[in-house]
């Protein structure tokens, strides 16, 4: 049965259908959200997954909220959530027209994502950004987990490498002694010029582009983007210098000859 009903040139989504979709979405994202909220209740932190609700500004409650996207009337709905973005129409509720104040961002985002996707991928950075953040730096970002290598071994390995990070929001966290070792001295203004599709952070940031236009996006697509970001974060931290075996993550030992091909293979599969 067709989910959408065309009536008087308006699209209606049957009540039984949108309620089922909303419940499925909430069940799906609850598996990611509930552990985060439980940890917060006892002031605990997960070094891999909590990042997705700390670095990104979209809150768990926002991710949980379902939307069909623009132009669709939810039959029999009475939506009062979403900061006044819904309007009452004959037979239900739908999203108001996309705000003009956000159109400039959407146009920029389309151009940015298109140019990034068309750029040749670079798989040779091997996730060294997390290593560069601790290079000859007494403090580490994840103090609750140990490093996999001793400090001397870590420094020897990194001094044999040429950093080739292309993503500014990773590069800006490099230690001060690591930044000069990167192949390009990145700046925010170079983001559109340098970002490329093999970058784990570029793939992760697709989630940001999705939630920036929520709720004018299907929540199923938003959840897909979050799932991709979650997988990218797992890859990111498995290839990091941290020992996360206590949390169930086997390392991708990029400091070894065997580990580097594994990192590239995982990266190539990530966007799909």
Protein backbone atom coordinates (compact mmCIF):
# COMPACT_ATOMS: atom_id res chain seq x y z
CA UNK A 1 0.00 0.00 0.00
CA UNK A 2 1.29 3.46 -0.91
CA UNK A 3 2.29 5.33 2.23
CA UNK A 4 1.55 8.75 0.74
CA UNK A 5 -1.92 9.95 -0.20
CA UNK A 6 -2.24 12.70 -2.82
CA UNK A 7 -5.28 14.84 -2.10
CA UNK A 8 -5.89 18.27 -3.61
CA UNK A 9 -2.21 18.39 -4.65
CA UNK A 10 -1.12 17.86 -1.04
CA UNK A 11 0.78 14.85 0.28
CA UNK A 12 -0.67 13.10 3.32
CA UNK A 13 1.06 10.36 5.27
CA UNK A 14 -1.42 7.92 6.75
CA UNK A 15 -1.62 8.06 10.54
CA UNK A 16 -0.90 4.36 10.96
CA UNK A 17 2.17 4.67 8.71
CA UNK A 18 3.80 7.74 10.24
CA UNK A 19 3.18 6.49 13.77
CA UNK A 20 4.92 3.21 12.89
CA UNK A 21 7.84 5.05 11.28
CA UNK A 22 8.17 7.33 14.30
CA UNK A 23 8.25 4.36 16.67
CA UNK A 24 10.84 2.53 14.56
CA UNK A 25 13.04 5.61 14.46
CA UNK A 26 12.80 6.13 18.20
CA UNK A 27 13.60 2.48 18.88
CA UNK A 28 16.61 2.64 16.56
CA UNK A 29 18.18 5.77 18.01
CA UNK A 30 17.32 4.83 21.60
CA UNK A 31 19.90 2.05 21.36
CA UNK A 32 22.53 4.79 20.87
CA UNK A 33 21.04 7.41 23.18
CA UNK A 34 20.02 5.41 26.25
CA UNK A 35 23.58 4.34 27.19
CA UNK A 36 24.75 7.95 26.90
CA UNK A 37 22.03 9.21 29.21
CA UNK A 38 22.66 6.37 31.66
CA UNK A 39 26.36 7.27 31.82
CA UNK A 40 25.54 10.92 32.33
CA UNK A 41 23.31 10.04 35.27
CA UNK A 42 26.34 8.60 37.09
CA UNK A 43 28.89 11.10 35.71
CA UNK A 44 30.68 8.44 33.69
CA UNK A 45 32.05 8.82 30.18
CA UNK A 46 32.71 6.55 27.19
CA UNK A 47 35.87 7.56 25.28
CA UNK A 48 34.42 6.58 21.88
CA UNK A 49 30.69 7.19 21.76
CA UNK A 50 30.09 10.19 24.05
CA UNK A 51 32.13 12.33 21.66
CA UNK A 52 29.17 12.27 19.26
CA UNK A 53 27.06 14.23 21.75
CA UNK A 54 29.87 16.47 22.95
CA UNK A 55 31.61 17.57 19.75
CA UNK A 56 28.30 17.80 17.87
CA UNK A 57 25.64 20.16 19.19
CA UNK A 58 22.59 18.03 18.37
CA UNK A 59 21.11 16.81 21.63
CA UNK A 60 19.83 13.27 22.27
CA UNK A 61 16.24 14.52 22.56
CA UNK A 62 16.54 16.18 19.15
CA UNK A 63 17.85 13.03 17.51
CA UNK A 64 15.01 11.06 19.07
CA UNK A 65 12.34 13.35 17.59
CA UNK A 66 10.94 12.00 14.30
CA UNK A 67 10.11 14.04 11.20
CA UNK A 68 8.97 13.01 7.69
CA UNK A 69 10.80 15.94 6.11
CA UNK A 70 9.21 18.90 4.29
CA UNK A 71 5.95 19.10 2.38
CA UNK A 72 4.19 16.11 3.97
CA UNK A 73 1.05 16.37 6.08
CA UNK A 74 0.89 13.90 8.94
CA UNK A 75 -2.66 12.65 8.93
CA UNK A 76 -4.37 13.16 12.27
CA UNK A 77 -1.24 14.58 13.91
CA UNK A 78 -1.12 17.28 16.54
CA UNK A 79 2.55 18.26 16.64
CA UNK A 80 3.54 20.76 19.30
CA UNK A 81 7.23 19.83 19.49
CA UNK A 82 10.08 21.35 17.53
CA UNK A 83 10.10 24.99 18.64
CA UNK A 84 7.09 26.08 16.61
CA UNK A 85 8.21 24.70 13.23
CA UNK A 86 4.97 22.76 12.67
CA UNK A 87 1.72 24.23 11.39
CA UNK A 88 -1.84 22.96 11.60
CA UNK A 89 -3.43 22.21 8.23
CA UNK A 90 -6.54 20.43 7.09
CA UNK A 91 -6.38 16.89 8.38
CA UNK A 92 -3.17 17.11 10.40
CA UNK A 93 0.17 18.91 10.80
CA UNK A 94 3.13 19.61 8.54
CA UNK A 95 6.41 21.48 8.75
CA UNK A 96 6.33 25.16 8.00
CA UNK A 97 8.21 26.45 4.96
CA UNK A 98 11.98 26.15 5.28
CA UNK A 99 13.18 29.45 6.80
CA UNK A 100 14.83 31.94 4.46
CA UNK A 101 17.48 32.64 7.09
CA UNK A 102 18.89 29.13 6.62
CA UNK A 103 18.86 28.98 2.82
CA UNK A 104 22.31 30.55 2.48
CA UNK A 105 23.79 27.74 4.60
CA UNK A 106 22.06 25.06 2.50
CA UNK A 107 23.39 26.54 -0.73
CA UNK A 108 26.90 26.70 0.73
CA UNK A 109 26.63 23.14 2.06
CA UNK A 110 25.52 21.73 -1.29
CA UNK A 111 28.47 23.35 -3.05
CA UNK A 112 30.90 22.28 -0.34
CA UNK A 113 29.74 18.66 -0.27
CA UNK A 114 29.67 18.41 -4.06
CA UNK A 115 33.22 19.71 -4.45
CA UNK A 116 34.47 17.51 -1.60
CA UNK A 117 32.86 14.38 -3.08
CA UNK A 118 34.39 15.05 -6.49
CA UNK A 119 37.91 15.50 -5.12
CA UNK A 120 40.36 12.59 -5.37
CA UNK A 121 40.40 10.60 -2.13
CA UNK A 122 43.56 10.45 -0.05
CA UNK A 123 43.91 7.28 2.05
CA UNK A 124 47.49 7.92 3.15
CA UNK A 125 46.95 9.82 6.41
CA UNK A 126 46.23 6.50 8.23
CA UNK A 127 44.45 8.22 11.10
CA UNK A 128 47.60 9.82 12.47
CA UNK A 129 45.70 12.87 13.73
CA UNK A 130 45.00 11.27 17.13
CA UNK A 131 48.68 10.45 17.39
CA UNK A 132 49.65 13.99 16.45
CA UNK A 133 47.51 15.28 19.30
CA UNK A 134 49.69 13.52 21.88
CA UNK A 135 53.08 13.98 20.17
CA UNK A 136 55.48 15.28 22.83
CA UNK A 137 52.47 16.57 24.74
CA UNK A 138 52.37 15.82 28.49
CA UNK A 139 48.55 15.92 28.62
CA UNK A 140 46.34 13.56 26.65
CA UNK A 141 42.72 14.00 25.57
CA UNK A 142 41.50 10.65 26.94
CA UNK A 143 43.06 10.42 30.36
CA UNK A 144 40.89 7.50 31.49
CA UNK A 145 42.48 5.09 28.98
CA UNK A 146 46.17 4.19 28.56
CA UNK A 147 48.31 4.64 25.48
CA UNK A 148 49.22 1.50 23.53
CA UNK A 149 52.87 2.51 23.18
CA UNK A 150 55.32 3.98 25.64
CA UNK A 151 56.03 7.66 25.22
CA UNK A 152 59.53 7.08 23.78
CA UNK A 153 58.24 4.47 21.30
CA UNK A 154 55.36 6.72 20.30
CA UNK A 155 57.72 9.64 19.63
CA UNK A 156 60.14 7.49 17.63
CA UNK A 157 57.28 6.22 15.46
CA UNK A 158 55.84 9.67 14.85
CA UNK A 159 59.21 11.15 13.99
CA UNK A 160 59.47 8.60 11.21
CA UNK A 161 56.17 9.80 9.71
CA UNK A 162 55.03 12.67 7.52
CA UNK A 163 51.64 13.92 8.67
CA UNK A 164 49.24 14.55 5.79
CA UNK A 165 46.06 15.68 7.53
CA UNK A 166 43.65 17.57 5.26
CA UNK A 167 40.88 18.38 7.77
CA UNK A 168 41.25 21.58 9.78
CA UNK A 169 39.06 20.46 12.69
CA UNK A 170 41.47 17.58 13.29
CA UNK A 171 44.62 19.59 12.60
CA UNK A 172 43.70 22.34 15.07
CA UNK A 173 44.01 19.82 17.93
CA UNK A 174 47.53 18.74 16.96
CA UNK A 175 50.14 19.39 19.61
CA UNK A 176 52.21 22.50 18.96
CA UNK A 177 55.21 20.38 18.07
CA UNK A 178 53.20 18.22 15.68
CA UNK A 179 51.64 21.03 13.62
CA UNK A 180 54.85 22.00 11.76
CA UNK A 181 55.26 18.35 10.71
CA UNK A 182 52.00 18.35 8.71
CA UNK A 183 52.32 18.57 4.94
CA UNK A 184 50.00 21.62 4.87
CA UNK A 185 49.55 24.29 7.50
CA UNK A 186 45.77 24.20 7.53
CA UNK A 187 43.53 27.16 8.26
CA UNK A 188 39.77 27.43 8.54
CA UNK A 189 39.69 29.33 5.24
CA UNK A 190 41.21 26.31 3.47
CA UNK A 191 38.47 23.88 4.51
CA UNK A 192 36.53 23.94 1.23
CA UNK A 193 39.78 23.59 -0.69
CA UNK A 194 41.32 20.74 1.32
CA UNK A 195 38.52 18.44 2.59
CA UNK A 196 38.38 15.17 0.67
CA UNK A 197 36.11 12.09 0.69
CA UNK A 198 38.51 9.57 2.25
CA UNK A 199 38.85 11.63 5.43
CA UNK A 200 37.24 9.89 8.40
CA UNK A 201 36.20 13.26 9.85
CA UNK A 202 34.59 14.42 6.61
CA UNK A 203 32.46 11.27 6.66
CA UNK A 204 31.67 11.84 10.32
CA UNK A 205 30.64 15.43 9.64
CA UNK A 206 27.91 14.37 7.21
CA UNK A 207 25.87 13.99 10.38
CA UNK A 208 26.41 17.68 11.14
CA UNK A 209 25.18 18.69 7.68
CA UNK A 210 22.05 16.62 8.22
CA UNK A 211 21.12 17.93 11.64
CA UNK A 212 21.79 21.51 10.57
CA UNK A 213 18.66 21.28 8.41
CA UNK A 214 16.54 19.22 10.82
CA UNK A 215 13.61 18.77 11.04
CA UNK A 216 13.40 19.54 7.29
CA UNK A 217 15.01 16.18 6.57
CA UNK A 218 13.70 12.65 6.91
CA UNK A 219 14.68 11.37 10.33
CA UNK A 220 15.59 8.01 8.82
CA UNK A 221 18.30 9.76 6.77
CA UNK A 222 19.44 11.71 9.81
CA UNK A 223 19.74 8.43 11.73
CA UNK A 224 21.70 6.89 8.83
CA UNK A 225 24.13 9.81 9.02
CA UNK A 226 24.50 9.32 12.77
CA UNK A 227 25.16 5.60 12.25
CA UNK A 228 27.89 6.50 9.75
CA UNK A 229 29.39 9.00 12.18
CA UNK A 230 29.35 6.35 14.88
CA UNK A 231 31.17 3.86 12.64
CA UNK A 232 33.67 6.54 11.65
CA UNK A 233 34.30 7.36 15.30
CA UNK A 234 34.93 3.68 16.06
CA UNK A 235 37.42 3.50 13.21
CA UNK A 236 39.03 6.75 14.33
CA UNK A 237 39.63 5.52 17.87
CA UNK A 238 40.64 1.98 16.94
CA UNK A 239 43.44 3.50 14.85
CA UNK A 240 44.41 5.89 17.65
CA UNK A 241 47.33 5.39 20.07
CA UNK A 242 44.90 4.59 22.89
CA UNK A 243 44.32 1.10 24.29
CA UNK A 244 40.55 0.61 24.15
CA UNK A 245 40.43 -3.16 24.55
CA UNK A 246 38.69 -2.67 27.90
CA UNK A 247 35.82 -1.12 25.94
CA UNK A 248 35.70 -3.94 23.39
CA UNK A 249 37.69 -2.31 20.58
CA UNK A 250 40.57 -4.16 18.99
CA UNK A 251 43.25 -1.72 17.81
CA UNK A 252 44.12 -1.10 14.19
CA UNK A 253 47.88 -0.96 14.65
CA UNK A 254 48.75 1.68 12.07
CA UNK A 255 52.26 1.81 13.49
CA UNK A 256 52.88 -1.61 11.92
CA UNK A 257 53.19 -2.76 8.31
CA UNK A 258 50.11 -4.97 8.71
CA UNK A 259 47.98 -2.31 10.36
CA UNK A 260 48.22 0.31 7.64
CA UNK A 261 46.57 -1.72 4.86
CA UNK A 262 43.83 -2.63 7.34
CA UNK A 263 43.17 1.05 8.03
CA UNK A 264 42.90 1.84 4.33
CA UNK A 265 40.56 -1.09 3.75
CA UNK A 266 38.24 -0.01 6.56
CA UNK A 267 38.29 3.60 5.32
CA UNK A 268 37.38 2.62 1.77
CA UNK A 269 34.35 0.71 3.03
CA UNK A 270 33.19 3.42 5.41
CA UNK A 271 31.12 5.70 3.09
CA UNK A 272 29.10 2.74 1.79
